[in-house]
Protein backbone atom coordinates (compact mmCIF):
# COMPACT_ATOMS: atom_id res chain seq x y z
CA MET A 1 29.36 116.37 36.44
CA TRP A 2 25.90 117.78 35.84
CA ASN A 3 24.88 120.44 33.37
CA LYS A 4 22.46 123.33 33.87
CA ASN A 5 18.74 122.45 33.37
CA GLU A 6 19.33 118.70 33.61
CA LEU A 7 16.74 116.75 35.61
CA CYS A 8 17.49 114.06 38.16
CA GLU A 9 15.79 112.10 40.92
CA VAL A 10 17.28 112.52 44.37
CA THR A 11 16.54 111.51 47.96
CA ILE A 12 17.10 114.30 50.49
CA THR A 13 19.10 113.26 53.55
CA ASP A 14 20.03 116.49 55.34
CA LEU A 15 19.62 120.26 55.55
CA GLY A 16 22.24 122.90 54.74
CA ALA A 17 23.03 126.11 56.60
CA GLU A 18 20.42 128.13 54.66
CA GLY A 19 17.67 125.53 55.00
CA GLU A 20 18.27 123.94 51.62
CA GLY A 21 17.86 120.18 51.28
CA ILE A 22 20.99 118.11 50.64
CA GLY A 23 21.01 114.91 48.62
CA LYS A 24 23.48 112.94 46.53
CA VAL A 25 23.24 111.36 43.09
CA ASP A 26 26.04 108.85 42.48
CA GLY A 27 27.96 110.50 45.32
CA PHE A 28 27.59 113.99 43.84
CA PRO A 29 26.01 116.45 46.35
CA LEU A 30 23.10 118.68 45.37
CA PHE A 31 21.81 121.66 47.39
CA ILE A 32 18.09 122.11 46.76
CA LYS A 33 15.89 124.94 48.09
CA ASP A 34 12.52 123.89 49.59
CA ALA A 35 13.49 120.22 49.77
CA LEU A 36 13.28 118.44 53.13
CA PRO A 37 14.96 115.37 54.65
CA GLY A 38 13.03 112.29 53.59
CA ASP A 39 11.72 113.81 50.34
CA VAL A 40 12.23 111.98 47.06
CA ILE A 41 12.13 114.68 44.40
CA GLU A 42 12.76 115.49 40.80
CA ALA A 43 15.33 118.29 40.78
CA LYS A 44 16.44 120.68 38.04
CA ILE A 45 20.08 121.76 38.04
CA LEU A 46 20.46 125.54 38.31
CA LYS A 47 24.22 125.86 38.70
CA ALA A 48 26.83 123.11 38.55
CA LYS A 49 30.32 123.23 40.04
CA LYS A 50 33.06 120.62 39.94
CA ASN A 51 32.20 119.05 43.28
CA TYR A 52 28.59 120.07 43.91
CA ALA A 53 25.57 121.73 42.32
CA PHE A 54 22.56 123.88 43.19
CA ALA A 55 19.11 122.78 42.07
CA ARG A 56 15.43 123.47 42.59
CA VAL A 57 12.43 121.22 43.21
CA GLU A 58 10.54 120.46 40.00
CA ARG A 59 8.14 118.07 41.72
CA VAL A 60 7.93 116.02 44.90
CA ILE A 61 7.77 112.36 43.94
CA THR A 62 7.43 111.01 47.49
CA PRO A 63 6.99 113.55 50.28
CA SER A 64 8.93 113.24 53.50
CA PRO A 65 6.95 111.87 56.45
CA TYR A 66 7.99 115.11 58.18
CA ARG A 67 6.65 117.41 55.45
CA ILE A 68 3.61 119.46 56.43
CA THR A 69 1.53 122.07 54.63
CA PRO A 70 2.93 125.54 55.44
CA ALA A 71 0.52 127.71 57.41
CA CYS A 72 1.61 130.78 55.43
CA PRO A 73 0.71 131.00 51.72
CA TYR A 74 3.86 133.06 51.10
CA ALA A 75 6.26 130.65 52.81
CA ARG A 76 8.02 129.45 49.65
CA ALA A 77 8.37 132.86 47.99
CA CYS A 78 9.33 134.77 51.15
CA GLY A 79 12.84 134.22 52.44
CA GLY A 80 11.89 134.41 56.12
CA CYS A 81 10.70 130.92 57.10
CA GLN A 82 13.14 128.53 55.44
CA ILE A 83 11.77 125.37 57.10
CA GLN A 84 8.10 126.13 57.78
CA ALA A 85 7.14 122.98 55.83
CA LEU A 86 9.12 120.80 58.27
CA ALA A 87 7.28 119.30 61.27
CA TYR A 88 8.23 121.16 64.44
CA GLU A 89 9.70 118.16 66.25
CA LYS A 90 12.09 117.67 63.30
CA GLN A 91 12.97 121.39 63.32
CA LEU A 92 14.06 121.00 66.95
CA GLU A 93 15.97 117.81 66.19
CA PHE A 94 17.82 119.51 63.33
CA LYS A 95 18.77 122.52 65.47
CA GLN A 96 19.99 120.31 68.33
CA ASP A 97 22.18 118.38 65.87
CA LYS A 98 23.42 121.61 64.29
CA VAL A 99 24.73 122.92 67.61
CA ARG A 100 26.25 119.55 68.49
CA ASN A 101 28.00 119.18 65.14
CA HIS A 102 29.50 122.67 65.31
CA LEU A 103 30.87 122.10 68.81
CA VAL A 104 32.44 118.80 67.74
CA ARG A 105 33.69 119.79 64.29
CA ILE A 106 34.72 123.41 64.87
CA GLY A 107 35.08 123.52 68.65
CA GLY A 108 37.01 120.28 68.98
CA VAL A 109 34.73 119.12 71.81
CA ASP A 110 34.88 115.37 72.45
CA ALA A 111 31.62 113.90 71.12
CA GLU A 112 31.17 111.43 73.98
CA HIS A 113 31.76 114.17 76.57
CA LEU A 114 29.36 116.49 74.77
CA ASP A 115 26.61 113.89 74.77
CA THR A 116 26.82 113.67 78.57
CA ILE A 117 26.52 117.45 79.16
CA MET A 118 24.22 118.63 76.37
CA GLU A 119 20.65 119.15 77.55
CA PRO A 120 17.53 118.86 75.35
CA ILE A 121 16.75 121.89 73.21
CA ILE A 122 14.22 124.34 74.68
CA GLY A 123 11.32 124.29 72.24
CA MET A 124 8.29 126.56 72.07
CA ASP A 125 4.88 125.57 73.36
CA VAL A 126 2.85 124.44 70.35
CA GLU A 127 -0.10 122.13 69.90
CA GLU A 128 0.68 118.70 68.49
CA GLY A 129 1.00 118.84 64.73
CA SER A 130 1.27 122.63 64.71
CA ILE A 131 4.18 125.06 64.32
CA PRO A 132 5.20 128.18 66.28
CA MET A 133 3.20 131.26 65.32
CA ARG A 134 2.63 134.81 66.63
CA TYR A 135 5.77 134.74 68.74
CA ARG A 136 7.63 137.82 67.46
CA ASN A 137 7.27 141.11 69.35
CA LYS A 138 9.00 143.08 66.59
CA ALA A 139 8.77 143.26 62.80
CA GLN A 140 10.26 145.59 60.18
CA PHE A 141 8.34 145.81 56.92
CA PRO A 142 9.91 147.35 53.78
CA VAL A 143 7.62 149.63 51.79
CA GLY A 144 7.61 149.95 48.01
CA ARG A 145 5.45 149.70 44.90
CA ASP A 146 4.45 146.66 42.89
CA LYS A 147 4.61 146.45 39.09
CA SER A 148 1.23 148.15 38.76
CA GLY A 149 2.38 151.08 40.90
CA LYS A 150 0.36 150.15 43.98
CA THR A 151 1.95 150.91 47.36
CA ILE A 152 2.76 147.65 49.17
CA CYS A 153 4.68 146.39 52.17
CA GLY A 154 5.73 142.95 53.30
CA PHE A 155 9.03 141.07 53.27
CA TYR A 156 11.83 140.56 50.79
CA ALA A 157 11.88 137.39 48.73
CA GLY A 158 14.87 135.20 49.48
CA ARG A 159 18.22 136.66 48.34
CA THR A 160 16.48 139.63 46.68
CA HIS A 161 15.03 143.03 47.51
CA ASP A 162 11.78 142.22 45.73
CA ILE A 163 8.94 142.82 48.18
CA ILE A 164 6.44 140.01 48.73
CA ALA A 165 3.25 141.91 49.62
CA ASN A 166 2.00 140.58 52.96
CA THR A 167 0.45 142.56 55.80
CA ASP A 168 -0.05 139.56 58.10
CA CYS A 169 3.09 137.51 58.70
CA ILE A 170 2.04 134.58 60.90
CA LEU A 171 5.16 134.93 63.06
CA GLY A 172 4.13 138.45 64.10
CA VAL A 173 1.34 139.78 66.27
CA THR A 174 -2.15 140.22 64.83
CA GLU A 175 -1.97 144.00 65.34
CA ASN A 176 0.67 144.21 62.60
CA GLU A 177 -1.99 143.88 59.91
CA LEU A 178 -4.09 146.71 61.37
CA VAL A 179 -1.05 149.00 61.57
CA LEU A 180 0.16 148.25 58.04
CA LYS A 181 -3.26 148.68 56.43
CA THR A 182 -3.61 151.99 58.26
CA VAL A 183 -0.22 153.21 57.04
CA LEU A 184 -0.84 152.07 53.44
CA ALA A 185 -4.26 153.75 53.37
CA TYR A 186 -2.72 156.98 54.68
CA MET A 187 0.01 156.89 52.01
CA GLU A 188 -2.46 156.32 49.17
CA LYS A 189 -4.92 158.95 50.35
CA HIS A 190 -2.32 161.68 50.92
CA GLN A 191 0.01 160.67 48.05
CA VAL A 192 2.96 159.93 50.29
CA GLU A 193 5.56 158.18 48.13
CA ALA A 194 7.20 154.87 48.99
CA TYR A 195 10.99 154.82 48.87
CA ASP A 196 12.59 153.48 45.70
CA GLU A 197 15.96 151.81 46.33
CA LYS A 198 17.02 152.16 42.70
CA THR A 199 16.47 155.91 42.41
CA GLY A 200 16.92 156.89 46.07
CA LYS A 201 13.67 158.87 45.83
CA GLY A 202 10.44 158.52 47.78
CA LEU A 203 9.80 158.97 51.48
CA VAL A 204 8.65 155.93 53.49
CA ARG A 205 11.25 153.15 53.63
CA HIS A 206 10.14 150.83 56.43
CA VAL A 207 7.46 150.41 59.07
CA LEU A 208 8.76 149.12 62.40
CA ILE A 209 6.22 147.66 64.83
CA ARG A 210 6.91 146.51 68.40
CA LYS A 211 4.59 145.10 71.05
CA GLY A 212 5.09 144.52 74.75
CA PHE A 213 3.64 141.07 75.36
CA VAL A 214 3.07 141.77 79.06
CA SER A 215 2.09 145.45 78.84
CA GLN A 216 0.17 145.01 75.54
CA GLN A 217 1.59 148.39 74.45
CA LEU A 218 2.19 149.02 70.73
CA MET A 219 4.91 151.09 69.07
CA VAL A 220 5.03 152.23 65.44
CA CYS A 221 8.08 153.89 63.89
CA LEU A 222 8.22 154.97 60.24
CA VAL A 223 11.69 155.05 58.72
CA ILE A 224 11.73 157.91 56.24
CA ASN A 225 14.00 159.30 53.55
CA GLY A 226 13.44 162.90 54.61
CA LYS A 227 13.23 165.20 57.60
CA THR A 228 9.44 165.31 58.11
CA LEU A 229 6.34 163.21 57.56
CA PRO A 230 3.45 165.09 55.91
CA LYS A 231 0.09 165.07 57.69
CA ALA A 232 1.60 163.07 60.54
CA ASP A 233 -1.21 164.08 62.91
CA ILE A 234 -3.79 162.49 60.62
CA LEU A 235 -1.85 159.22 60.60
CA ALA A 236 -1.42 159.38 64.38
CA ASP A 237 -5.17 159.85 64.82
CA GLU A 238 -5.82 156.73 62.73
CA LEU A 239 -3.19 154.69 64.55
CA TRP A 240 -4.66 155.64 67.93
CA ASN A 241 -7.86 153.82 66.95
CA ILE A 242 -5.87 150.58 67.32
CA PRO A 243 -6.09 149.18 70.89
CA GLY A 244 -2.80 149.38 72.76
CA MET A 245 -1.20 152.11 70.64
CA HIS A 246 1.33 153.84 72.89
CA SER A 247 4.17 155.31 70.79
CA PHE A 248 4.42 156.76 67.28
CA SER A 249 7.74 158.04 65.93
CA ILE A 250 9.86 158.59 62.84
CA SER A 251 13.50 157.70 62.23
CA VAL A 252 15.32 159.60 59.49
CA ASN A 253 17.53 157.50 57.22
CA GLU A 254 18.62 159.31 54.04
CA GLU A 255 21.63 157.10 53.33
CA ASN A 256 22.04 154.59 50.51
CA THR A 257 22.35 151.60 52.81
CA ASN A 258 20.82 148.27 53.80
CA VAL A 259 20.73 149.45 57.42
CA ILE A 260 17.06 149.91 58.25
CA LEU A 261 16.88 152.49 61.04
CA GLY A 262 18.49 155.88 61.22
CA ARG A 263 20.79 156.87 64.07
CA THR A 264 18.06 158.68 66.01
CA TYR A 265 14.30 158.86 66.23
CA GLN A 266 11.69 161.55 66.95
CA THR A 267 8.51 160.78 68.85
CA LEU A 268 5.46 162.36 67.19
CA ARG A 269 2.81 161.16 69.62
CA GLY A 270 2.72 159.18 72.84
CA GLU A 271 5.74 157.96 74.78
CA ASP A 272 9.34 157.47 73.60
CA THR A 273 9.27 153.84 74.71
CA ILE A 274 6.98 150.92 75.44
CA LYS A 275 7.32 148.59 78.43
CA ASP A 276 7.78 144.87 78.63
CA THR A 277 8.62 142.50 81.48
CA ILE A 278 10.81 139.42 81.63
CA TYR A 279 10.35 136.86 84.40
CA GLN A 280 12.49 134.06 85.74
CA SER A 281 11.19 130.60 84.88
CA ASP A 282 11.92 127.29 86.59
CA TYR A 283 12.20 124.08 84.58
CA ASP A 284 10.81 120.80 85.88
CA ALA A 285 12.80 118.21 83.96
CA ALA A 286 10.60 115.34 85.11
CA LYS A 287 7.43 116.98 83.77
CA GLY A 288 9.12 118.88 80.95
CA VAL A 289 7.33 122.12 81.89
CA TRP A 290 8.40 125.69 82.69
CA THR A 291 6.82 127.67 85.53
CA ARG A 292 7.09 131.46 85.70
CA ARG A 293 8.02 133.13 88.97
CA GLU A 294 5.46 135.91 89.20
CA ASP A 295 7.48 137.93 91.74
CA SER A 296 10.68 137.92 89.66
CA GLY A 297 9.78 140.33 86.88
CA VAL A 298 12.19 142.96 85.53
CA GLU A 299 10.52 145.73 83.54
CA TYR A 300 12.26 147.16 80.48
CA HIS A 301 11.61 150.35 78.53
CA VAL A 302 12.15 149.62 74.84
CA SER A 303 12.72 152.32 72.20
CA PRO A 304 12.71 151.95 68.39
CA LEU A 305 16.52 151.65 68.48
CA SER A 306 16.77 149.20 71.39
CA PHE A 307 18.12 145.69 71.00
CA TYR A 308 15.55 143.50 72.69
CA GLN A 309 15.00 139.80 72.07
CA VAL A 310 12.11 139.31 69.63
CA ASN A 311 10.63 136.21 71.29
CA PRO A 312 9.71 137.17 74.86
CA GLY A 313 8.40 133.74 75.85
CA GLN A 314 11.60 131.96 74.90
CA THR A 315 13.74 134.84 76.20
CA GLN A 316 12.52 134.09 79.71
CA ARG A 317 13.63 130.49 79.34
CA LEU A 318 16.94 131.37 77.69
CA TYR A 319 17.87 133.93 80.35
CA SER A 320 16.66 131.67 83.16
CA THR A 321 18.98 128.95 81.83
CA ALA A 322 21.86 131.44 81.69
CA LEU A 323 21.09 132.50 85.26
CA ALA A 324 21.03 128.88 86.43
CA TYR A 325 24.35 128.20 84.69
CA ALA A 326 25.88 131.28 86.39
CA GLY A 327 25.28 129.63 89.77
CA LEU A 328 24.91 132.92 91.64
CA THR A 329 24.66 132.98 95.45
CA GLY A 330 24.46 136.74 96.01
CA ARG A 331 28.18 137.21 96.67
CA GLU A 332 29.54 137.31 93.11
CA THR A 333 30.84 140.09 90.88
CA VAL A 334 29.49 139.52 87.37
CA TRP A 335 30.46 141.13 84.06
CA ASP A 336 27.83 141.20 81.31
CA ILE A 337 29.58 141.81 78.00
CA TYR A 338 27.55 143.10 75.01
CA CYS A 339 24.81 144.01 77.49
CA GLY A 340 22.49 146.04 75.22
CA ILE A 341 19.78 147.77 77.24
CA GLY A 342 20.66 145.66 80.27
CA THR A 343 18.27 142.78 79.67
CA ILE A 344 20.61 140.09 81.06
CA SER A 345 22.43 142.47 83.45
CA LEU A 346 19.29 143.35 85.39
CA PHE A 347 18.14 139.75 85.27
CA LEU A 348 21.42 138.73 86.94
CA ALA A 349 21.58 141.66 89.38
CA LYS A 350 18.84 140.28 91.61
CA SER A 351 21.05 137.27 92.40
CA ALA A 352 24.56 138.87 92.41
CA ALA A 353 26.51 141.28 94.61
CA GLN A 354 27.62 143.46 91.69
CA VAL A 355 27.01 143.46 87.93
CA ARG A 356 28.97 145.46 85.37
CA GLY A 357 27.69 145.76 81.81
CA VAL A 358 29.53 146.77 78.63
CA GLU A 359 27.91 147.94 75.38
CA ILE A 360 29.19 149.93 72.38
CA VAL A 361 25.92 151.82 71.68
CA PRO A 362 25.59 154.93 73.91
CA GLN A 363 21.80 155.04 73.58
CA ALA A 364 21.60 151.43 74.76
CA ILE A 365 23.62 152.26 77.87
CA GLU A 366 21.33 155.22 78.58
CA ASP A 367 18.38 152.84 78.31
CA ALA A 368 20.15 150.31 80.56
CA ARG A 369 20.75 152.90 83.27
CA ALA A 370 17.15 154.08 83.02
CA ASN A 371 15.90 150.48 83.24
CA ALA A 372 18.03 149.92 86.34
CA ALA A 373 16.62 153.07 87.96
CA ASN A 374 13.03 152.18 87.05
CA ASN A 375 13.46 148.76 88.68
CA ARG A 376 15.30 150.27 91.68
CA ILE A 377 18.29 148.05 91.02
CA THR A 378 21.40 149.74 92.41
CA ASN A 379 24.08 147.05 92.20
CA VAL A 380 24.75 147.55 88.47
CA GLU A 381 27.23 149.73 86.62
CA PHE A 382 27.37 150.26 82.87
CA TYR A 383 30.27 151.18 80.57
CA VAL A 384 30.05 152.59 77.03
CA GLY A 385 32.53 151.22 74.51
CA LYS A 386 33.74 148.17 72.63
CA ALA A 387 34.06 145.14 74.86
CA GLU A 388 37.51 144.44 73.39
CA GLU A 389 38.59 147.92 74.54
CA VAL A 390 36.68 148.50 77.79
CA LEU A 391 37.62 145.18 79.37
CA PRO A 392 41.40 145.46 78.77
CA GLU A 393 41.37 149.10 79.97
CA TYR A 394 39.59 148.10 83.16
CA TYR A 395 41.98 145.18 83.69
CA GLU A 396 45.09 147.35 83.23
CA LYS A 397 43.70 150.15 85.40
CA GLU A 398 42.90 147.82 88.28
CA ASN A 399 46.27 146.10 88.11
CA ALA A 400 48.09 149.44 87.97
CA ALA A 401 46.27 150.45 91.15
CA GLY A 402 47.42 147.29 92.88
CA ARG A 403 43.97 145.70 92.78
CA LYS A 404 43.24 142.36 91.20
CA ALA A 405 40.82 142.71 88.26
CA HIS A 406 38.72 139.64 88.90
CA ALA A 407 35.23 138.54 87.93
CA ASP A 408 33.54 135.57 89.56
CA VAL A 409 31.30 135.12 86.54
CA ILE A 410 31.42 136.60 83.03
CA VAL A 411 28.30 136.46 80.88
CA VAL A 412 28.79 137.20 77.21
CA ASP A 413 26.09 137.61 74.53
CA PRO A 414 27.93 138.74 71.37
CA PRO A 415 26.61 139.40 67.83
CA ARG A 416 26.79 136.67 65.20
CA LYS A 417 30.49 137.23 64.55
CA GLY A 418 31.25 136.05 68.09
CA CYS A 419 33.77 137.53 70.51
CA ASP A 420 36.83 139.53 69.56
CA GLU A 421 40.00 137.59 70.49
CA VAL A 422 41.30 140.55 72.53
CA CYS A 423 38.10 140.41 74.54
CA LEU A 424 38.40 136.64 75.01
CA ASN A 425 42.02 136.98 76.12
CA THR A 426 41.14 139.62 78.71
CA MET A 427 38.29 137.46 79.98
CA VAL A 428 40.79 134.67 80.55
CA GLN A 429 43.23 137.03 82.31
CA MET A 430 40.47 138.05 84.73
CA GLN A 431 40.21 134.36 85.68
CA PRO A 432 36.45 134.07 86.22
CA ASP A 433 35.33 130.87 87.87
CA ARG A 434 32.57 130.51 85.30
CA ILE A 435 31.86 131.87 81.81
CA VAL A 436 28.28 131.77 80.54
CA TYR A 437 28.20 132.26 76.77
CA VAL A 438 24.87 133.07 75.08
CA SER A 439 25.18 132.71 71.31
CA CYS A 440 23.05 133.38 68.25
CA ASP A 441 25.52 131.57 65.94
CA SER A 442 26.67 128.12 66.97
CA ALA A 443 29.60 128.15 64.51
CA THR A 444 31.28 131.20 66.07
CA LEU A 445 30.30 129.91 69.52
CA ALA A 446 32.20 126.70 68.76
CA ARG A 447 35.23 128.68 67.57
CA ASP A 448 35.29 130.70 70.81
CA VAL A 449 34.69 127.62 72.97
CA LYS A 450 37.76 126.05 71.37
CA TYR A 451 39.85 129.09 72.32
CA LEU A 452 38.57 129.13 75.90
CA GLN A 453 39.20 125.41 76.31
CA GLU A 454 42.77 125.94 75.16
CA GLN A 455 43.11 128.60 77.87
CA GLY A 456 42.11 126.26 80.70
CA TYR A 457 38.31 126.25 80.68
CA GLU A 458 36.15 123.15 80.48
CA LEU A 459 32.79 122.94 78.76
CA LYS A 460 30.34 121.86 81.49
CA LYS A 461 26.83 122.44 80.12
CA VAL A 462 25.19 123.14 76.75
CA ARG A 463 21.59 123.91 75.90
CA ALA A 464 20.08 125.13 72.64
CA CYS A 465 16.96 127.29 72.65
CA ASP A 466 14.60 127.72 69.71
CA MET A 467 13.99 131.46 69.61
CA PHE A 468 13.10 131.54 65.90
CA GLY A 469 10.73 128.72 65.01
CA ASN A 470 10.37 127.86 61.29
CA THR A 471 13.77 129.39 60.53
CA MET A 472 17.31 128.00 60.55
CA HIS A 473 18.44 130.17 63.48
CA VAL A 474 19.02 128.81 66.97
CA GLU A 475 20.29 130.34 70.21
CA THR A 476 22.60 128.43 72.53
CA VAL A 477 23.76 128.93 76.10
CA VAL A 478 26.85 127.16 77.43
CA LEU A 479 28.70 127.05 80.74
CA LEU A 480 32.48 126.91 80.90
CA SER A 481 34.23 126.45 84.23
CA GLN A 482 37.86 127.09 85.09
CA LEU A 483 39.92 123.98 85.58
CA ARG A 484 41.92 123.65 88.76
CA GLN A 485 45.06 124.01 86.67
CA LYS A 486 45.14 127.42 85.02
CA PRO A 487 47.13 128.11 81.84
CA ASP A 488 49.89 129.65 84.00
CA ASP A 489 50.20 126.40 85.96
CA TYR A 490 51.64 124.58 82.95
CA ILE A 491 55.32 124.60 82.00
CA ASP A 492 56.56 125.43 78.52
CA VAL A 493 58.21 122.64 76.54
CA ASP A 494 60.03 123.25 73.25
CA ILE A 495 58.97 120.82 70.53
CA ASP A 496 60.25 120.65 66.99
CA VAL A 497 57.23 121.44 64.85
CA ALA A 498 58.64 119.25 62.10
CA GLU A 499 58.10 116.23 64.39
CA LEU A 500 54.39 116.90 64.60
CA GLU A 501 51.75 116.00 62.06
CA GLY A 502 49.05 118.68 61.72
CA THR A 503 45.60 117.28 62.31
CA SER A 504 43.32 120.27 62.79
CA ALA A 505 41.21 121.59 59.94
CA GLU A 506 43.19 124.80 59.91
CA THR A 507 46.48 122.95 59.14
CA LYS A 508 45.18 120.91 56.23
CA ALA A 509 45.92 123.55 53.63
CA THR A 510 47.94 126.73 53.53
CA TYR A 511 46.63 129.89 51.94
CA GLU A 512 48.90 129.27 48.96
CA LYS A 513 47.48 125.77 48.50
CA ILE A 514 43.95 127.19 48.59
CA LYS A 515 44.89 129.84 46.02
CA LYS A 516 46.42 127.17 43.78
CA TYR A 517 43.36 124.93 44.05
CA VAL A 518 41.01 127.82 43.20
CA ALA A 519 43.07 128.78 40.16
CA GLU A 520 43.31 125.20 38.87
CA HIS A 521 39.60 124.50 39.24
CA ASN A 522 38.20 127.86 38.17
CA ASP A 523 39.96 128.83 34.95
CA GLY A 524 42.86 130.63 36.60
CA MET A 525 40.74 132.64 39.06
CA LYS A 526 42.85 134.62 41.51
CA VAL A 527 41.81 135.10 45.13
CA SER A 528 43.62 137.09 47.79
CA SER A 529 44.63 136.03 51.27
CA LEU A 530 42.09 138.53 52.57
CA ASN A 531 39.36 136.80 50.54
CA ILE A 532 40.33 133.45 52.04
CA ALA A 533 40.49 134.88 55.56
CA GLN A 534 37.02 136.42 55.20
CA ILE A 535 35.48 133.13 54.04
CA LYS A 536 37.33 131.08 56.66
CA ARG A 537 35.96 133.33 59.38
CA LYS A 538 32.49 133.16 57.82
CA CYS A 539 32.73 129.36 58.03
CA GLY A 540 33.80 129.54 61.68
CA LEU A 541 37.42 128.52 61.08
CA GLU A 542 40.32 130.02 63.02
CA LEU A 543 42.62 132.43 61.20
CA ALA A 544 46.20 131.31 61.47
CA GLU A 545 47.50 134.52 59.89
CA ASN A 546 46.89 138.14 60.88
CA PHE A 547 44.93 139.97 58.17
CA ASN A 548 43.70 142.74 60.45
CA LEU A 549 40.09 141.85 59.72
CA PRO A 550 37.77 144.62 60.93
CA LYS A 551 36.32 144.43 64.42
CA SER A 552 33.14 146.10 63.20
CA GLU A 553 30.80 144.36 60.78
CA ASN A 554 30.13 147.78 59.26
CA ALA A 555 33.80 148.57 58.60
CA ARG A 556 34.58 149.71 55.07
CA GLN A 557 36.59 146.85 53.65
CA PRO A 558 36.28 145.14 50.25
CA GLN A 559 34.09 142.07 50.57
CA CYS A 560 34.78 138.82 48.78
CA PRO A 561 32.76 138.60 45.52
CA LYS A 562 30.14 135.84 45.40
CA GLU A 563 31.91 133.80 42.68
CA LYS A 564 35.18 133.87 44.62
CA GLU A 565 33.38 132.93 47.83
CA GLU A 566 31.91 129.87 46.11
CA ALA A 567 35.32 128.90 44.74
CA ILE A 568 36.98 129.24 48.15
CA VAL A 569 34.21 127.24 49.84
CA GLU A 570 34.73 124.54 47.21
CA ALA A 571 38.46 124.49 48.04
CA LEU A 572 37.81 124.31 51.80
CA LYS A 573 35.50 121.36 51.20
CA ALA A 574 38.08 119.69 48.98
CA PHE A 575 40.68 119.97 51.75
CA GLN A 576 38.06 118.69 54.25
CA MET A 577 38.30 121.88 56.28
CA ILE A 578 34.52 122.27 56.33
């Protein structure tokens, strides 16, 4: 057991979920920010628990052979690039292993089978010894004041809302710096106040910047805590001196919230949207190169509120992989669930007979329909609503009319929380031949893959794609195919549960056992079943009991306090559930 402020020498062997280095001293695990695999460091204990501790790097005794000098001077203070100091080839190796481990540990996929179907991760094109830079087509910069009262913008320091002043993030486009300096100069000259989170006063909250990499068009949207922007014409005049400026708008957000944009926006000059184009790309495995099909482009109109992938180069490769996995011949009916502005839907439509997209945001569906019309794509249909509601309604309506609600292929690209179980169940009932799952969280992907495998689908292909270089995030696309024997082809057999020995992670400890462990190891701390359910879901574990967890991430429900979350995680680790 370590005590706060103690020093120790430790060799780092792995990375944690937040990019922290992991090492052990006499078998005791330490989680250490800014430490990398292969480092030998002197660490200072910040917080010690019974079974693990958090620490920070005091000094690097022997640097890892994979440690490089970060290209950004703010990398350590800013919370954005957790692993910028790690050589890019090791970043890709870590992300490949992360996806594999989640599918094996959470998804229950056989490791030997997975190794035969998992393709190499799709990395970005970088020069040897370099890291990915300038790949983001979108950035949102908070605006505030520093301790001297100067107006600044940049990014939040890790786990805080303290702004690290930086007008030129190396992940973003070079035009960002010109835009931000123009906005800051306008605010200082005309005494336009920055928003203060603590008081709720001030006007300018965020600056959103988007760029179409193909069109070279720029969009600027100021998020404001008020109805109007003073002297907006003067700012617009200055912005229009920047090459490519195409759209300038405001979005009103007067709520006390961490949500950045308001519900609507108002264009002050230029167009409501900018354009960008996504192309199909072919992969030559022998040469390890991607070639863009110049005649395959789909043009998208992107507004300030649109969901649009932030890395257009890798998006082409990700979507091309999804298209290849779908195996379309031109005769299929395809459902695209969580379709956004139709990015994947329209990509698929050129190779399918019919595509139907589902999205909860009405504005996104309006954009999707407009994008379809602009591209003269007529074999698509879009539905507004929650996927877990629209899909069952469609299924029941078709069956009631005597028609079979069938999809040849279902493509799903959910948010980080993964798919709702009602949605998954309806997907299974529609009996698609193939399911292509595009995921931004490999833990929830693995959870959903486990469910689909239990319903008669087999994991056939897996490929990770690095959309967010220098960070811990990774996208994954998988193909699941229906087995010849469907779930309905099996017969039910009654088995006495008492004769079985539980082996899955979820059966290793009941909620009562977890509560007891937490109380015994944390001075009588009490946690609720809801607390445990929230943390289990956060860790990608199935919920064996029904706690009516909210379908919406924005639902108003008490969240588990940080100290209780740590105690529950400690219990889950003790029971070897994570």
